């Protein structure tokens, strides 16, 4: 019995690719001073992670990065700009816990740093670029082979800047080229971060 359970866990883990590229979307609620002008909105973007694991490994550690784009309609009709647009680049560490011995189902927890750029100043007269951190927790399941379905909750706080909570759904792909896709998205993340720092 125990050997069969171990074999099932190992088979599930063998079917999990090390690299995944996901397309995500969901809702976000801004906090602090920003919420008075721009409350709820929509975020979409891409996420990637690289998380190798040995066969049968229940807990694994890896890296994750993302690029998210937000649109928030004004909740205050007196503001000059009707829509707040944001671009956020984030990267950090993630831990993944295998939940099932028969299928590739996981809980994933992440923590890291992020850069946020807004199209209009939101905290000070000229402040549009902010740095801060985030924490996230989510459920992930692989379906139809190497295709990932996920739901993630995330909270982020910028130093002297906005705070926000979001809930996102994702669909990811990790076939034979998954490692290449993750490395490609990492290169895009670095390029995007450099662009943000110079905007």
C-alpha atoms as a PDB file:
ATOM      1  CA  UNK A   1       0.000   0.000   0.000  1.00  0.00           C
ATOM      2  CA  UNK A   2       2.713   2.438   1.007  1.00  0.00           C
ATOM      3  CA  UNK A   3       4.830   1.547  -2.007  1.00  0.00           C
ATOM      4  CA  UNK A   4       1.879   2.107  -4.356  1.00  0.00           C
ATOM      5  CA  UNK A   5       1.185   5.530  -2.816  1.00  0.00           C
ATOM      6  CA  UNK A   6       4.843   6.482  -3.167  1.00  0.00           C
ATOM      7  CA  UNK A   7       4.840   5.312  -6.792  1.00  0.00           C
ATOM      8  CA  UNK A   8       1.734   7.373  -7.532  1.00  0.00           C
ATOM      9  CA  UNK A   9       3.281  10.477  -5.973  1.00  0.00           C
ATOM     10  CA  UNK A  10       6.440   9.899  -7.967  1.00  0.00           C
ATOM     11  CA  UNK A  11       4.470   9.487 -11.199  1.00  0.00           C
ATOM     12  CA  UNK A  12       2.568  12.717 -10.552  1.00  0.00           C
ATOM     13  CA  UNK A  13       5.779  14.570  -9.847  1.00  0.00           C
ATOM     14  CA  UNK A  14       7.481  13.111 -12.939  1.00  0.00           C
ATOM     15  CA  UNK A  15       4.726  14.634 -15.081  1.00  0.00           C
ATOM     16  CA  UNK A  16       5.362  18.174 -13.792  1.00  0.00           C
ATOM     17  CA  UNK A  17       7.573  20.354 -16.023  1.00  0.00           C
ATOM     18  CA  UNK A  18      10.243  22.458 -14.340  1.00  0.00           C
ATOM     19  CA  UNK A  19       9.307  25.616 -16.260  1.00  0.00           C
ATOM     20  CA  UNK A  20       5.855  27.101 -16.845  1.00  0.00           C
ATOM     21  CA  UNK A  21       4.642  30.191 -18.703  1.00  0.00           C
ATOM     22  CA  UNK A  22       1.110  31.327 -17.744  1.00  0.00           C
ATOM     23  CA  UNK A  23      -1.363  33.930 -18.914  1.00  0.00           C
ATOM     24  CA  UNK A  24      -3.260  35.436 -15.988  1.00  0.00           C
ATOM     25  CA  UNK A  25      -6.116  37.836 -15.356  1.00  0.00           C
ATOM     26  CA  UNK A  26      -8.363  38.948 -12.541  1.00  0.00           C
ATOM     27  CA  UNK A  27      -9.476  41.762 -10.276  1.00  0.00           C
ATOM     28  CA  UNK A  28      -7.531  44.071  -8.004  1.00  0.00           C
ATOM     29  CA  UNK A  29      -8.557  46.369  -5.170  1.00  0.00           C
ATOM     30  CA  UNK A  30      -6.286  49.307  -4.444  1.00  0.00           C
ATOM     31  CA  UNK A  31      -5.758  50.439  -0.860  1.00  0.00           C
ATOM     32  CA  UNK A  32      -4.598  53.549   0.949  1.00  0.00           C
ATOM     33  CA  UNK A  33      -4.921  57.008  -0.581  1.00  0.00           C
ATOM     34  CA  UNK A  34      -5.228  55.586  -4.109  1.00  0.00           C
ATOM     35  CA  UNK A  35      -8.513  53.805  -3.317  1.00  0.00           C
ATOM     36  CA  UNK A  36     -10.328  57.146  -2.931  1.00  0.00           C
ATOM     37  CA  UNK A  37      -9.705  57.901  -6.623  1.00  0.00           C
ATOM     38  CA  UNK A  38      -9.139  54.507  -8.254  1.00  0.00           C
ATOM     39  CA  UNK A  39     -10.616  51.539  -6.414  1.00  0.00           C
ATOM     40  CA  UNK A  40     -11.398  48.321  -8.265  1.00  0.00           C
ATOM     41  CA  UNK A  41      -9.823  47.405 -11.570  1.00  0.00           C
ATOM     42  CA  UNK A  42      -8.648  44.630 -13.864  1.00  0.00           C
ATOM     43  CA  UNK A  43      -5.136  43.181 -14.133  1.00  0.00           C
ATOM     44  CA  UNK A  44      -3.836  40.923 -16.912  1.00  0.00           C
ATOM     45  CA  UNK A  45      -0.383  39.708 -17.838  1.00  0.00           C
ATOM     46  CA  UNK A  46       2.062  36.829 -17.853  1.00  0.00           C
ATOM     47  CA  UNK A  47       3.686  34.818 -15.087  1.00  0.00           C
ATOM     48  CA  UNK A  48       6.499  32.293 -15.257  1.00  0.00           C
ATOM     49  CA  UNK A  49       8.256  30.067 -12.809  1.00  0.00           C
ATOM     50  CA  UNK A  50      11.163  27.663 -12.823  1.00  0.00           C
ATOM     51  CA  UNK A  51      10.852  25.011 -10.140  1.00  0.00           C
ATOM     52  CA  UNK A  52      12.723  21.751 -10.655  1.00  0.00           C
ATOM     53  CA  UNK A  53      11.872  18.862  -8.341  1.00  0.00           C
ATOM     54  CA  UNK A  54      13.143  15.341  -7.795  1.00  0.00           C
ATOM     55  CA  UNK A  55      10.726  12.443  -8.371  1.00  0.00           C
ATOM     56  CA  UNK A  56       8.563  11.990  -5.284  1.00  0.00           C
ATOM     57  CA  UNK A  57       9.563  15.335  -3.763  1.00  0.00           C
ATOM     58  CA  UNK A  58       6.688  16.782  -1.733  1.00  0.00           C
ATOM     59  CA  UNK A  59       8.123  20.262  -1.108  1.00  0.00           C
ATOM     60  CA  UNK A  60      10.156  22.151  -3.693  1.00  0.00           C
ATOM     61  CA  UNK A  61      11.633  25.641  -3.980  1.00  0.00           C
ATOM     62  CA  UNK A  62      11.887  27.757  -7.118  1.00  0.00           C
ATOM     63  CA  UNK A  63      11.850  31.173  -8.738  1.00  0.00           C
ATOM     64  CA  UNK A  64       8.927  33.142 -10.122  1.00  0.00           C
ATOM     65  CA  UNK A  65       8.530  36.352 -12.094  1.00  0.00           C
ATOM     66  CA  UNK A  66       5.652  38.267 -13.661  1.00  0.00           C
ATOM     67  CA  UNK A  67       4.606  41.254 -15.750  1.00  0.00           C
ATOM     68  CA  UNK A  68       1.142  42.620 -14.971  1.00  0.00           C
ATOM     69  CA  UNK A  69      -0.861  45.403 -16.619  1.00  0.00           C
ATOM     70  CA  UNK A  70      -3.725  47.104 -14.788  1.00  0.00           C
ATOM     71  CA  UNK A  71      -6.594  49.399 -15.707  1.00  0.00           C
ATOM     72  CA  UNK A  72      -8.601  51.145 -12.974  1.00  0.00           C
ATOM     73  CA  UNK A  73     -11.529  53.450 -13.779  1.00  0.00           C
ATOM     74  CA  UNK A  74     -11.802  56.544 -11.619  1.00  0.00           C
ATOM     75  CA  UNK A  75     -14.149  56.202  -8.651  1.00  0.00           C
ATOM     76  CA  UNK A  76     -13.979  59.974  -8.057  1.00  0.00           C
ATOM     77  CA  UNK A  77     -15.558  61.984 -10.922  1.00  0.00           C
ATOM     78  CA  UNK A  78     -13.489  65.053 -10.041  1.00  0.00           C
ATOM     79  CA  UNK A  79     -10.106  63.540 -10.976  1.00  0.00           C
ATOM     80  CA  UNK A  80      -8.452  64.773 -14.167  1.00  0.00           C
ATOM     81  CA  UNK A  81      -7.555  61.307 -15.566  1.00  0.00           C
ATOM     82  CA  UNK A  82     -10.459  58.889 -15.984  1.00  0.00           C
ATOM     83  CA  UNK A  83      -8.362  55.681 -15.996  1.00  0.00           C
ATOM     84  CA  UNK A  84      -5.304  54.730 -13.976  1.00  0.00           C
ATOM     85  CA  UNK A  85      -3.005  52.419 -15.955  1.00  0.00           C
ATOM     86  CA  UNK A  86      -0.254  50.450 -14.262  1.00  0.00           C
ATOM     87  CA  UNK A  87       2.648  48.221 -15.261  1.00  0.00           C
ATOM     88  CA  UNK A  88       4.202  46.005 -12.604  1.00  0.00           C
ATOM     89  CA  UNK A  89       7.281  43.793 -12.816  1.00  0.00           C
ATOM     90  CA  UNK A  90       7.869  41.349  -9.955  1.00  0.00           C
ATOM     91  CA  UNK A  91      10.272  38.537  -9.101  1.00  0.00           C
ATOM     92  CA  UNK A  92      10.789  36.352  -6.059  1.00  0.00           C
ATOM     93  CA  UNK A  93      11.049  32.954  -4.412  1.00  0.00           C
ATOM     94  CA  UNK A  94       8.275  30.377  -4.247  1.00  0.00           C
ATOM     95  CA  UNK A  95       7.631  27.189  -2.319  1.00  0.00           C
ATOM     96  CA  UNK A  96       5.367  24.469  -3.710  1.00  0.00           C
ATOM     97  CA  UNK A  97       3.695  21.716  -1.683  1.00  0.00           C
ATOM     98  CA  UNK A  98       2.314  18.592  -3.371  1.00  0.00           C
ATOM     99  CA  UNK A  99      -1.267  17.968  -2.167  1.00  0.00           C
ATOM    100  CA  UNK A 100      -2.210  14.725  -3.885  1.00  0.00           C
ATOM    101  CA  UNK A 101      -0.458  11.383  -4.305  1.00  0.00           C
ATOM    102  CA  UNK A 102      -2.472  10.633  -7.463  1.00  0.00           C
ATOM    103  CA  UNK A 103      -2.502  13.958  -9.340  1.00  0.00           C
ATOM    104  CA  UNK A 104      -0.276  17.000  -9.762  1.00  0.00           C
ATOM    105  CA  UNK A 105      -2.046  19.388  -7.381  1.00  0.00           C
ATOM    106  CA  UNK A 106      -0.131  21.952  -5.372  1.00  0.00           C
ATOM    107  CA  UNK A 107      -0.311  24.878  -2.992  1.00  0.00           C
ATOM    108  CA  UNK A 108       2.237  27.542  -3.900  1.00  0.00           C
ATOM    109  CA  UNK A 109       3.469  30.386  -1.668  1.00  0.00           C
ATOM    110  CA  UNK A 110       5.565  33.249  -3.018  1.00  0.00           C
ATOM    111  CA  UNK A 111       7.401  36.285  -1.678  1.00  0.00           C
ATOM    112  CA  UNK A 112       9.515  38.843  -3.515  1.00  0.00           C
ATOM    113  CA  UNK A 113      10.047  42.380  -4.755  1.00  0.00           C
ATOM    114  CA  UNK A 114       8.312  44.450  -7.411  1.00  0.00           C
ATOM    115  CA  UNK A 115       8.463  47.670  -9.419  1.00  0.00           C
ATOM    116  CA  UNK A 116       5.246  49.563 -10.186  1.00  0.00           C
ATOM    117  CA  UNK A 117       4.826  52.292 -12.795  1.00  0.00           C
ATOM    118  CA  UNK A 118       1.650  54.381 -13.148  1.00  0.00           C
ATOM    119  CA  UNK A 119       0.538  56.668 -15.973  1.00  0.00           C
ATOM    120  CA  UNK A 120      -0.298  59.488 -13.534  1.00  0.00           C
ATOM    121  CA  UNK A 121       1.102  60.519 -10.131  1.00  0.00           C
ATOM    122  CA  UNK A 122      -0.855  58.740  -7.390  1.00  0.00           C
ATOM    123  CA  UNK A 123       0.873  59.571  -4.093  1.00  0.00           C
ATOM    124  CA  UNK A 124       2.938  62.736  -4.640  1.00  0.00           C
ATOM    125  CA  UNK A 125       3.034  65.499  -7.224  1.00  0.00           C
ATOM    126  CA  UNK A 126       5.438  63.632  -9.496  1.00  0.00           C
ATOM    127  CA  UNK A 127       5.644  60.072  -8.105  1.00  0.00           C
ATOM    128  CA  UNK A 128       4.899  57.459 -10.774  1.00  0.00           C
ATOM    129  CA  UNK A 129       7.540  54.774 -10.093  1.00  0.00           C
ATOM    130  CA  UNK A 130       7.489  52.725  -6.876  1.00  0.00           C
ATOM    131  CA  UNK A 131       9.373  49.785  -5.431  1.00  0.00           C
ATOM    132  CA  UNK A 132       8.061  47.355  -2.844  1.00  0.00           C
ATOM    133  CA  UNK A 133       7.248  43.751  -2.087  1.00  0.00           C
ATOM    134  CA  UNK A 134       4.516  41.137  -2.368  1.00  0.00           C
ATOM    135  CA  UNK A 135       3.293  37.880  -0.866  1.00  0.00           C
ATOM    136  CA  UNK A 136       1.085  35.359  -2.658  1.00  0.00           C
ATOM    137  CA  UNK A 137      -0.651  32.057  -2.070  1.00  0.00           C
ATOM    138  CA  UNK A 138      -2.383  29.929  -4.664  1.00  0.00           C
ATOM    139  CA  UNK A 139      -3.711  26.579  -5.817  1.00  0.00           C
ATOM    140  CA  UNK A 140      -2.296  24.926  -8.943  1.00  0.00           C
ATOM    141  CA  UNK A 141      -3.287  21.810 -10.847  1.00  0.00           C
ATOM    142  CA  UNK A 142      -1.883  20.259 -14.003  1.00  0.00           C
ATOM    143  CA  UNK A 143      -4.520  19.070 -16.475  1.00  0.00           C
ATOM    144  CA  UNK A 144      -4.296  17.387 -19.888  1.00  0.00           C
ATOM    145  CA  UNK A 145      -0.598  16.740 -19.516  1.00  0.00           C
ATOM    146  CA  UNK A 146       1.619  19.768 -18.953  1.00  0.00           C
ATOM    147  CA  UNK A 147      -1.116  22.416 -18.910  1.00  0.00           C
ATOM    148  CA  UNK A 148      -1.509  24.350 -15.651  1.00  0.00           C
ATOM    149  CA  UNK A 149      -4.675  25.872 -14.191  1.00  0.00           C
ATOM    150  CA  UNK A 150      -4.169  28.173 -11.212  1.00  0.00           C
ATOM    151  CA  UNK A 151      -5.845  30.621  -8.864  1.00  0.00           C
ATOM    152  CA  UNK A 152      -3.694  33.053  -6.893  1.00  0.00           C
ATOM    153  CA  UNK A 153      -4.305  35.618  -4.192  1.00  0.00           C
ATOM    154  CA  UNK A 154      -1.713  38.353  -3.821  1.00  0.00           C
ATOM    155  CA  UNK A 155      -1.021  41.321  -1.572  1.00  0.00           C
ATOM    156  CA  UNK A 156       1.553  43.971  -2.416  1.00  0.00           C
ATOM    157  CA  UNK A 157       2.784  47.105  -0.687  1.00  0.00           C
ATOM    158  CA  UNK A 158       5.004  49.751  -2.235  1.00  0.00           C
ATOM    159  CA  UNK A 159       7.412  51.808  -0.141  1.00  0.00           C
ATOM    160  CA  UNK A 160       5.793  55.258   0.192  1.00  0.00           C
ATOM    161  CA  UNK A 161       3.345  54.114  -2.456  1.00  0.00           C
ATOM    162  CA  UNK A 162       0.137  52.207  -3.182  1.00  0.00           C
ATOM    163  CA  UNK A 163      -1.037  48.956  -1.617  1.00  0.00           C
ATOM    164  CA  UNK A 164      -3.267  46.434  -3.369  1.00  0.00           C
ATOM    165  CA  UNK A 165      -4.862  42.995  -3.106  1.00  0.00           C
ATOM    166  CA  UNK A 166      -5.662  40.908  -6.172  1.00  0.00           C
ATOM    167  CA  UNK A 167      -7.196  37.579  -7.153  1.00  0.00           C
ATOM    168  CA  UNK A 168      -6.168  36.075 -10.496  1.00  0.00           C
ATOM    169  CA  UNK A 169      -6.929  33.010 -12.590  1.00  0.00           C
ATOM    170  CA  UNK A 170      -4.264  31.570 -14.857  1.00  0.00           C
ATOM    171  CA  UNK A 171      -3.706  29.075 -17.646  1.00  0.00           C
ATOM    172  CA  UNK A 172      -0.143  27.918 -18.210  1.00  0.00           C
ATOM    173  CA  UNK A 173       1.831  25.802 -20.645  1.00  0.00           C
ATOM    174  CA  UNK A 174       4.899  23.711 -19.996  1.00  0.00           C
ATOM    175  CA  UNK A 175       5.479  21.267 -22.818  1.00  0.00           C
ATOM    176  CA  UNK A 176       8.883  20.272 -24.131  1.00  0.00           C
ATOM    177  CA  UNK A 177       9.955  23.892 -24.605  1.00  0.00           C
ATOM    178  CA  UNK A 178       8.975  24.942 -21.065  1.00  0.00           C
ATOM    179  CA  UNK A 179      12.520  25.605 -19.886  1.00  0.00           C
ATOM    180  CA  UNK A 180      13.175  27.737 -22.956  1.00  0.00           C
ATOM    181  CA  UNK A 181       9.926  29.663 -22.439  1.00  0.00           C
ATOM    182  CA  UNK A 182      10.784  30.382 -18.816  1.00  0.00           C
ATOM    183  CA  UNK A 183      14.255  31.623 -19.736  1.00  0.00           C
ATOM    184  CA  UNK A 184      12.780  33.756 -22.521  1.00  0.00           C
ATOM    185  CA  UNK A 185      10.273  35.313 -20.138  1.00  0.00           C
ATOM    186  CA  UNK A 186      13.085  35.976 -17.652  1.00  0.00           C
ATOM    187  CA  UNK A 187      14.932  37.928 -20.342  1.00  0.00           C
ATOM    188  CA  UNK A 188      11.736  39.888 -21.056  1.00  0.00           C
ATOM    189  CA  UNK A 189      11.380  40.586 -17.330  1.00  0.00           C
ATOM    190  CA  UNK A 190      14.895  42.035 -17.123  1.00  0.00           C
ATOM    191  CA  UNK A 191      14.286  44.185 -20.211  1.00  0.00           C
ATOM    192  CA  UNK A 192      10.971  45.435 -18.848  1.00  0.00           C
ATOM    193  CA  UNK A 193      12.499  46.300 -15.491  1.00  0.00           C
ATOM    194  CA  UNK A 194      15.228  48.344 -17.172  1.00  0.00           C
ATOM    195  CA  UNK A 195      12.618  50.161 -19.243  1.00  0.00           C
ATOM    196  CA  UNK A 196      10.520  50.956 -16.153  1.00  0.00           C
ATOM    197  CA  UNK A 197      13.522  52.371 -14.308  1.00  0.00           C
ATOM    198  CA  UNK A 198      14.122  54.797 -17.146  1.00  0.00           C
ATOM    199  CA  UNK A 199      10.546  55.898 -17.821  1.00  0.00           C
END
